[in-house]
Amino acid sequence: MAEPSKVIHVRNVGHEITENDLLQLVQPFGSVTKLVMLRTKNQALMQMQDVASAINLVDYYTNLQPSVRGRNVYMQFSSHQELTTDQTQGRKSDTVSDCQSSRIYGVHS
């Protein structure tokens, strides 16, 4: 397992699972500042407001299997400490992954 990070890696995110579904799942643990859906890989990356919130989230779901729309999802710390965007070529692209269909959202509570 990667060391604690603000960034949570979520696996088994099917096409039926929306960004809002994931936000509702983690909302009790704190604010999500960025969300990247990696649709072609059935994965997502979420950046929590701080490491403490991320630790509480991962600890909780280590002991209780999270399920969204009937599908078990799996959460762990990402190897990335922060999600960033690269706008040097005039477009937003995900520097965390080469997935071109990724979307990055700033979420405000």
N, C-alpha and C. Protein backbone atom coordinates (compact mmCIF):
# COMPACT_ATOMS: atom_id res chain seq x y z
N MET A 1 0.85 -1.18 0.00
CA MET A 1 0.00 0.00 0.00
C MET A 1 0.89 1.24 0.00
N ALA A 2 0.47 2.25 -0.75
CA ALA A 2 1.21 3.51 -0.81
C ALA A 2 1.10 4.26 0.51
N GLU A 3 2.05 5.14 0.78
CA GLU A 3 1.98 5.92 2.02
C GLU A 3 0.82 6.91 1.94
N PRO A 4 0.33 7.37 3.09
CA PRO A 4 -0.82 8.29 3.09
C PRO A 4 -0.62 9.50 2.19
N SER A 5 -1.69 9.86 1.53
CA SER A 5 -1.70 10.95 0.56
C SER A 5 -3.08 11.58 0.56
N LYS A 6 -3.20 12.82 0.12
CA LYS A 6 -4.52 13.45 -0.05
C LYS A 6 -5.29 12.81 -1.20
N VAL A 7 -4.57 12.11 -2.08
CA VAL A 7 -5.18 11.54 -3.28
C VAL A 7 -5.57 10.09 -3.04
N ILE A 8 -6.83 9.79 -3.31
CA ILE A 8 -7.39 8.44 -3.15
C ILE A 8 -7.60 7.83 -4.54
N HIS A 9 -7.12 6.61 -4.70
CA HIS A 9 -7.32 5.85 -5.94
C HIS A 9 -8.53 4.94 -5.73
N VAL A 10 -9.51 5.05 -6.60
CA VAL A 10 -10.74 4.26 -6.50
C VAL A 10 -10.79 3.31 -7.69
N ARG A 11 -10.95 2.02 -7.42
CA ARG A 11 -11.03 1.01 -8.47
C ARG A 11 -12.44 0.44 -8.59
N ASN A 12 -12.71 -0.16 -9.74
CA ASN A 12 -14.00 -0.79 -10.05
C ASN A 12 -15.12 0.23 -10.16
N VAL A 13 -14.81 1.38 -10.74
CA VAL A 13 -15.78 2.45 -10.95
C VAL A 13 -16.42 2.22 -12.32
N GLY A 14 -17.58 1.58 -12.32
CA GLY A 14 -18.26 1.27 -13.57
C GLY A 14 -18.85 2.51 -14.22
N HIS A 15 -19.27 2.38 -15.46
CA HIS A 15 -19.82 3.50 -16.22
C HIS A 15 -21.12 4.04 -15.62
N GLU A 16 -21.80 3.20 -14.82
CA GLU A 16 -23.05 3.64 -14.19
C GLU A 16 -22.80 4.54 -12.98
N ILE A 17 -21.57 4.57 -12.49
CA ILE A 17 -21.23 5.38 -11.31
C ILE A 17 -20.85 6.79 -11.77
N THR A 18 -21.51 7.77 -11.18
CA THR A 18 -21.27 9.17 -11.56
C THR A 18 -20.29 9.83 -10.60
N GLU A 19 -19.82 11.00 -11.02
CA GLU A 19 -18.97 11.80 -10.15
C GLU A 19 -19.71 12.11 -8.84
N ASN A 20 -20.98 12.44 -8.96
CA ASN A 20 -21.79 12.78 -7.79
C ASN A 20 -21.92 11.59 -6.83
N ASP A 21 -22.03 10.37 -7.37
CA ASP A 21 -22.08 9.17 -6.52
C ASP A 21 -20.83 9.07 -5.65
N LEU A 22 -19.68 9.29 -6.24
CA LEU A 22 -18.43 9.21 -5.48
C LEU A 22 -18.34 10.33 -4.46
N LEU A 23 -18.76 11.52 -4.85
CA LEU A 23 -18.71 12.65 -3.92
C LEU A 23 -19.61 12.40 -2.70
N GLN A 24 -20.78 11.82 -2.93
CA GLN A 24 -21.68 11.51 -1.82
C GLN A 24 -21.09 10.44 -0.91
N LEU A 25 -20.38 9.49 -1.49
CA LEU A 25 -19.78 8.40 -0.71
C LEU A 25 -18.72 8.92 0.26
N VAL A 26 -17.95 9.91 -0.17
CA VAL A 26 -16.84 10.39 0.67
C VAL A 26 -17.15 11.67 1.43
N GLN A 27 -18.29 12.27 1.17
CA GLN A 27 -18.67 13.55 1.78
C GLN A 27 -18.56 13.56 3.31
N PRO A 28 -18.90 12.50 4.03
CA PRO A 28 -18.77 12.53 5.49
C PRO A 28 -17.33 12.71 5.99
N PHE A 29 -16.36 12.49 5.13
CA PHE A 29 -14.95 12.53 5.55
C PHE A 29 -14.27 13.86 5.24
N GLY A 30 -14.93 14.75 4.52
CA GLY A 30 -14.33 16.04 4.20
C GLY A 30 -14.56 16.42 2.76
N SER A 31 -13.98 17.55 2.39
CA SER A 31 -14.17 18.10 1.05
C SER A 31 -13.25 17.44 0.03
N VAL A 32 -13.79 17.21 -1.15
CA VAL A 32 -13.01 16.76 -2.30
C VAL A 32 -12.66 18.00 -3.10
N THR A 33 -11.38 18.21 -3.34
CA THR A 33 -10.97 19.40 -4.09
C THR A 33 -10.81 19.14 -5.58
N LYS A 34 -10.51 17.89 -5.94
CA LYS A 34 -10.39 17.52 -7.36
C LYS A 34 -10.86 16.09 -7.53
N LEU A 35 -11.44 15.84 -8.69
CA LEU A 35 -11.94 14.50 -9.02
C LEU A 35 -11.62 14.21 -10.47
N VAL A 36 -10.94 13.12 -10.72
CA VAL A 36 -10.59 12.70 -12.08
C VAL A 36 -11.24 11.33 -12.32
N MET A 37 -12.12 11.26 -13.31
CA MET A 37 -12.74 9.99 -13.68
C MET A 37 -11.94 9.39 -14.84
N LEU A 38 -11.42 8.20 -14.63
CA LEU A 38 -10.66 7.48 -15.66
C LEU A 38 -11.58 6.40 -16.21
N ARG A 39 -12.53 6.81 -17.03
CA ARG A 39 -13.60 5.92 -17.49
C ARG A 39 -13.10 4.67 -18.20
N THR A 40 -12.10 4.82 -19.05
CA THR A 40 -11.64 3.66 -19.82
C THR A 40 -10.96 2.62 -18.94
N LYS A 41 -10.55 3.04 -17.73
CA LYS A 41 -9.89 2.12 -16.81
C LYS A 41 -10.79 1.72 -15.64
N ASN A 42 -12.04 2.21 -15.62
CA ASN A 42 -12.95 1.97 -14.50
C ASN A 42 -12.33 2.38 -13.17
N GLN A 43 -11.69 3.55 -13.18
CA GLN A 43 -11.03 4.06 -11.99
C GLN A 43 -11.33 5.54 -11.82
N ALA A 44 -11.01 6.03 -10.64
CA ALA A 44 -11.12 7.47 -10.37
C ALA A 44 -10.01 7.85 -9.39
N LEU A 45 -9.65 9.12 -9.43
CA LEU A 45 -8.73 9.70 -8.46
C LEU A 45 -9.44 10.87 -7.81
N MET A 46 -9.42 10.91 -6.49
CA MET A 46 -10.05 12.00 -5.75
C MET A 46 -9.01 12.62 -4.84
N GLN A 47 -8.94 13.94 -4.86
CA GLN A 47 -8.05 14.63 -3.93
C GLN A 47 -8.87 15.23 -2.81
N MET A 48 -8.58 14.79 -1.60
CA MET A 48 -9.26 15.32 -0.43
C MET A 48 -8.61 16.63 -0.02
N GLN A 49 -9.30 17.38 0.81
CA GLN A 49 -8.79 18.67 1.25
C GLN A 49 -7.47 18.54 2.02
N ASP A 50 -7.34 17.46 2.81
CA ASP A 50 -6.10 17.26 3.57
C ASP A 50 -5.85 15.77 3.78
N VAL A 51 -4.64 15.46 4.21
CA VAL A 51 -4.24 14.07 4.41
C VAL A 51 -5.05 13.40 5.52
N ALA A 52 -5.36 14.15 6.58
CA ALA A 52 -6.13 13.57 7.69
C ALA A 52 -7.49 13.06 7.21
N SER A 53 -8.16 13.81 6.35
CA SER A 53 -9.45 13.37 5.81
C SER A 53 -9.28 12.11 4.98
N ALA A 54 -8.23 12.06 4.19
CA ALA A 54 -7.96 10.89 3.35
C ALA A 54 -7.67 9.66 4.21
N ILE A 55 -6.91 9.84 5.28
CA ILE A 55 -6.60 8.72 6.18
C ILE A 55 -7.88 8.18 6.82
N ASN A 56 -8.74 9.07 7.31
CA ASN A 56 -10.01 8.64 7.89
C ASN A 56 -10.86 7.87 6.89
N LEU A 57 -10.90 8.34 5.66
CA LEU A 57 -11.66 7.69 4.59
C LEU A 57 -11.15 6.29 4.31
N VAL A 58 -9.85 6.17 4.08
CA VAL A 58 -9.26 4.86 3.75
C VAL A 58 -9.39 3.90 4.94
N ASP A 59 -9.14 4.40 6.15
CA ASP A 59 -9.29 3.53 7.33
C ASP A 59 -10.72 3.00 7.46
N TYR A 60 -11.70 3.88 7.27
CA TYR A 60 -13.10 3.47 7.39
C TYR A 60 -13.46 2.41 6.35
N TYR A 61 -13.08 2.65 5.10
CA TYR A 61 -13.46 1.72 4.04
C TYR A 61 -12.54 0.51 3.94
N THR A 62 -11.51 0.45 4.77
CA THR A 62 -10.73 -0.77 4.88
C THR A 62 -11.52 -1.80 5.68
N ASN A 63 -12.35 -1.32 6.61
CA ASN A 63 -13.14 -2.20 7.48
C ASN A 63 -14.58 -2.39 7.01
N LEU A 64 -15.02 -1.59 6.06
CA LEU A 64 -16.38 -1.67 5.55
C LEU A 64 -16.34 -1.53 4.03
N GLN A 65 -16.79 -2.55 3.33
CA GLN A 65 -16.73 -2.54 1.87
C GLN A 65 -17.69 -1.51 1.29
N PRO A 66 -17.18 -0.46 0.61
CA PRO A 66 -18.09 0.51 0.00
C PRO A 66 -18.71 -0.06 -1.28
N SER A 67 -19.97 0.29 -1.47
CA SER A 67 -20.70 -0.15 -2.65
C SER A 67 -21.45 1.05 -3.23
N VAL A 68 -21.37 1.20 -4.54
CA VAL A 68 -22.07 2.29 -5.22
C VAL A 68 -22.88 1.69 -6.36
N ARG A 69 -24.18 1.96 -6.34
CA ARG A 69 -25.09 1.42 -7.37
C ARG A 69 -24.92 -0.09 -7.54
N GLY A 70 -24.78 -0.79 -6.39
CA GLY A 70 -24.68 -2.24 -6.41
C GLY A 70 -23.31 -2.79 -6.79
N ARG A 71 -22.33 -1.93 -6.96
CA ARG A 71 -20.99 -2.36 -7.36
C ARG A 71 -20.00 -2.04 -6.23
N ASN A 72 -19.23 -3.06 -5.82
CA ASN A 72 -18.20 -2.83 -4.83
C ASN A 72 -17.09 -1.98 -5.44
N VAL A 73 -16.69 -0.92 -4.75
CA VAL A 73 -15.55 -0.11 -5.18
C VAL A 73 -14.45 -0.25 -4.14
N TYR A 74 -13.23 -0.06 -4.55
CA TYR A 74 -12.07 -0.29 -3.69
C TYR A 74 -11.24 0.98 -3.62
N MET A 75 -10.90 1.40 -2.40
CA MET A 75 -10.19 2.65 -2.19
C MET A 75 -8.85 2.40 -1.53
N GLN A 76 -7.86 3.13 -2.00
CA GLN A 76 -6.53 3.07 -1.41
C GLN A 76 -5.83 4.40 -1.68
N PHE A 77 -4.73 4.64 -0.97
CA PHE A 77 -3.97 5.86 -1.23
C PHE A 77 -3.31 5.76 -2.60
N SER A 78 -3.30 6.87 -3.30
CA SER A 78 -2.58 6.95 -4.57
C SER A 78 -1.11 7.15 -4.29
N SER A 79 -0.27 6.80 -5.24
CA SER A 79 1.16 7.09 -5.11
C SER A 79 1.43 8.57 -5.36
N HIS A 80 0.44 9.31 -5.84
CA HIS A 80 0.57 10.74 -6.08
C HIS A 80 0.16 11.51 -4.83
N GLN A 81 0.89 12.54 -4.49
CA GLN A 81 0.57 13.36 -3.34
C GLN A 81 -0.44 14.45 -3.67
N GLU A 82 -0.57 14.77 -4.96
CA GLU A 82 -1.47 15.84 -5.38
C GLU A 82 -1.81 15.65 -6.85
N LEU A 83 -3.04 16.04 -7.24
CA LEU A 83 -3.44 16.01 -8.64
C LEU A 83 -3.15 17.37 -9.25
N THR A 84 -2.55 17.37 -10.42
CA THR A 84 -2.24 18.63 -11.09
C THR A 84 -2.75 18.58 -12.52
N THR A 85 -2.86 19.75 -13.13
CA THR A 85 -3.24 19.82 -14.53
C THR A 85 -2.10 20.48 -15.29
N ASP A 86 -1.99 20.12 -16.55
CA ASP A 86 -0.97 20.68 -17.42
C ASP A 86 -1.68 21.45 -18.51
N GLN A 87 -1.55 22.76 -18.51
CA GLN A 87 -2.23 23.60 -19.49
C GLN A 87 -1.24 24.24 -20.46
N THR A 88 -0.06 23.67 -20.58
CA THR A 88 0.97 24.27 -21.43
C THR A 88 0.64 24.17 -22.91
N GLN A 89 -0.21 23.24 -23.31
CA GLN A 89 -0.56 23.08 -24.71
C GLN A 89 -1.94 23.62 -25.02
N GLY A 90 -2.47 24.48 -24.15
CA GLY A 90 -3.76 25.10 -24.42
C GLY A 90 -4.96 24.22 -24.12
N ARG A 91 -4.75 23.09 -23.49
CA ARG A 91 -5.86 22.21 -23.13
C ARG A 91 -5.57 21.60 -21.79
N LYS A 92 -6.64 21.24 -21.08
CA LYS A 92 -6.45 20.56 -19.80
C LYS A 92 -6.16 19.10 -20.09
N SER A 93 -5.09 18.60 -19.52
CA SER A 93 -4.83 17.17 -19.62
C SER A 93 -4.41 16.68 -18.25
N ASP A 94 -4.63 15.44 -18.02
CA ASP A 94 -4.35 14.86 -16.72
C ASP A 94 -2.88 14.45 -16.68
N THR A 95 -2.09 15.08 -15.83
CA THR A 95 -0.68 14.73 -15.72
C THR A 95 -0.48 13.48 -14.88
N VAL A 96 -1.53 13.03 -14.21
CA VAL A 96 -1.42 11.83 -13.40
C VAL A 96 -1.51 10.59 -14.28
N SER A 97 -2.23 10.68 -15.36
CA SER A 97 -2.45 9.55 -16.25
C SER A 97 -2.45 10.03 -17.69
N ASP A 98 -2.20 9.12 -18.61
CA ASP A 98 -2.24 9.46 -20.02
C ASP A 98 -3.64 9.38 -20.60
N CYS A 99 -4.63 9.09 -19.78
CA CYS A 99 -6.01 8.93 -20.24
C CYS A 99 -6.53 10.26 -20.78
N GLN A 100 -6.78 10.36 -22.06
CA GLN A 100 -7.21 11.60 -22.69
C GLN A 100 -8.65 11.98 -22.38
N SER A 101 -9.46 11.01 -21.93
CA SER A 101 -10.87 11.31 -21.68
C SER A 101 -11.12 11.76 -20.25
N SER A 102 -10.08 11.96 -19.47
CA SER A 102 -10.24 12.38 -18.08
C SER A 102 -10.81 13.77 -18.00
N ARG A 103 -11.62 14.00 -16.97
CA ARG A 103 -12.12 15.34 -16.69
C ARG A 103 -11.73 15.68 -15.27
N ILE A 104 -11.34 16.90 -15.05
CA ILE A 104 -10.94 17.34 -13.72
C ILE A 104 -11.96 18.35 -13.24
N TYR A 105 -12.46 18.13 -12.03
CA TYR A 105 -13.47 19.00 -11.45
C TYR A 105 -12.94 19.61 -10.17
N GLY A 106 -13.15 20.89 -10.00
CA GLY A 106 -12.94 21.52 -8.71
C GLY A 106 -14.26 21.46 -7.97
N VAL A 107 -14.27 20.96 -6.77
CA VAL A 107 -15.50 20.78 -6.02
C VAL A 107 -15.46 21.72 -4.82
N HIS A 108 -16.51 22.50 -4.65
CA HIS A 108 -16.57 23.45 -3.54
C HIS A 108 -17.70 23.06 -2.61
N SER A 109 -17.44 23.10 -1.32
CA SER A 109 -18.50 22.79 -0.35
C SER A 109 -18.98 24.07 0.28
